[in-house]
Amino acid sequence: MKTISIQVQDSFMQKFLNFVNSHSKDIIITKDPNLELDPYFYERQKQLQKDIKDIDSGKVEMLSQEQYNIQMNNFFKKLKYDN
């Protein structure tokens, strides 16, 4: 058995459910609680895993809160003085 994720237009939902019901021996519908809370859960999870890998490999630098605050303050000062 294969698992897929589908999106169904609201206006087609009843027809889709009728089709699924008529093929219930071949189709099982389960709700993914992750997708109910966040429709982009798996995309965000994949991006987070990539970000962690990039930080661990040294490809990307992770700033401390203090470093971030300094860089953002400098950025805003530059914006203020450039205008």
Protein backbone atom coordinates (compact mmCIF):
# COMPACT_ATOMS: atom_id res chain seq x y z
CA MET A 1 0.00 0.00 0.00
CA LYS A 2 1.21 3.54 -0.80
CA THR A 3 0.56 6.70 1.19
CA ILE A 4 -0.07 10.01 -0.52
CA SER A 5 -1.27 13.43 0.50
CA ILE A 6 -4.02 15.05 -1.53
CA GLN A 7 -5.87 18.32 -1.52
CA VAL A 8 -9.50 18.41 -2.59
CA GLN A 9 -11.43 21.50 -3.61
CA ASP A 10 -14.29 22.20 -1.22
CA SER A 11 -16.78 22.02 -4.08
CA PHE A 12 -15.54 18.52 -5.02
CA MET A 13 -15.26 17.10 -1.51
CA GLN A 14 -18.60 15.25 -1.46
CA LYS A 15 -17.93 13.60 -4.83
CA PHE A 16 -14.47 12.64 -3.64
CA LEU A 17 -15.82 11.13 -0.42
CA ASN A 18 -18.46 9.23 -2.40
CA PHE A 19 -15.70 7.81 -4.60
CA VAL A 20 -13.61 6.84 -1.58
CA ASN A 21 -16.60 5.23 0.11
CA SER A 22 -17.38 3.20 -3.00
CA HIS A 23 -13.76 1.95 -2.99
CA SER A 24 -13.38 1.55 0.75
CA LYS A 25 -11.73 -1.87 0.48
CA ASP A 26 -8.88 -0.25 -1.51
CA ILE A 27 -8.62 3.18 0.14
CA ILE A 28 -8.06 4.10 3.78
CA ILE A 29 -8.31 7.72 4.90
CA THR A 30 -6.41 8.84 7.98
CA LYS A 31 -5.92 12.34 9.27
CA ASP A 32 -2.39 13.49 9.93
CA PRO A 33 -2.49 15.57 13.15
CA ASN A 34 0.68 17.41 12.10
CA LEU A 35 -1.00 18.65 8.93
CA GLU A 36 -4.18 19.59 10.76
CA LEU A 37 -2.20 21.92 13.02
CA ASP A 38 0.16 23.19 10.31
CA PRO A 39 -0.45 22.47 6.61
CA TYR A 40 3.26 23.11 5.92
CA PHE A 41 4.56 20.92 8.78
CA TYR A 42 6.67 18.59 6.65
CA GLU A 43 8.14 21.39 4.52
CA ARG A 44 9.11 23.28 7.69
CA GLN A 45 10.53 20.11 9.24
CA LYS A 46 12.65 19.46 6.13
CA GLN A 47 13.94 23.06 6.13
CA LEU A 48 14.76 22.89 9.84
CA GLN A 49 16.74 19.68 9.32
CA LYS A 50 18.65 21.33 6.46
CA ASP A 51 19.35 24.42 8.59
CA ILE A 52 20.68 22.28 11.45
CA LYS A 53 22.89 20.33 9.02
CA ASP A 54 24.24 23.60 7.54
CA ILE A 55 25.01 24.96 11.02
CA ASP A 56 26.68 21.72 12.13
CA SER A 57 28.82 21.60 8.97
CA GLY A 58 29.90 25.23 9.37
CA LYS A 59 28.25 26.24 6.09
CA VAL A 60 26.06 28.68 8.02
CA GLU A 61 26.95 30.56 11.19
CA MET A 62 24.46 30.62 14.02
CA LEU A 63 24.59 33.86 15.99
CA SER A 64 24.11 34.20 19.70
CA GLN A 65 21.31 36.49 20.82
CA GLU A 66 23.91 39.15 21.70
CA GLN A 67 25.59 38.90 18.27
CA TYR A 68 22.21 39.10 16.56
CA ASN A 69 21.21 42.20 18.57
CA ILE A 70 24.48 43.95 17.69
CA GLN A 71 24.14 43.16 13.98
CA MET A 72 20.49 44.24 13.87
CA ASN A 73 21.24 47.49 15.72
CA ASN A 74 24.04 48.23 13.24
CA PHE A 75 21.73 47.40 10.36
CA PHE A 76 19.01 49.77 11.58
CA LYS A 77 21.55 52.54 12.22
CA LYS A 78 22.84 52.14 8.67
CA LEU A 79 19.29 52.33 7.31
CA LYS A 80 18.64 55.47 9.32
CA TYR A 81 21.82 57.21 8.13
CA ASP A 82 21.47 56.11 4.49
CA ASN A 83 18.08 57.84 4.22
